[in-house]
């Protein structure tokens, strides 16, 4: 026969379990706003950490299959400097031949 103390501990544990289930069922993760397809659907924008201080901004031009890279300007005025581009079609074609 369970003692009064063990019954109270069991009920408190059950209440905590039910509270956790309630919180987890009502909590929704934050919405991730991704780039939608529309008038500007010919481009994909991606960022990547290049250094501890700054990220690189990549722009993929889907019709021409080119990857363009931009980095922050040295003046730190919020402007981007164009670094160069890669032809993704050529890169993937070379990858198939080598593999």
Foldseek 3Di string as FASTA:
>chain_A
DDDPVVVVVVVVVVVVVVVVVVVVVPDDDDDDDADDQDPPNQKHWDWACPDPVWIKIWIQRNVQRKIWIWTDDPVPPPDIDTDGMDRRVVVVVVVVVVD
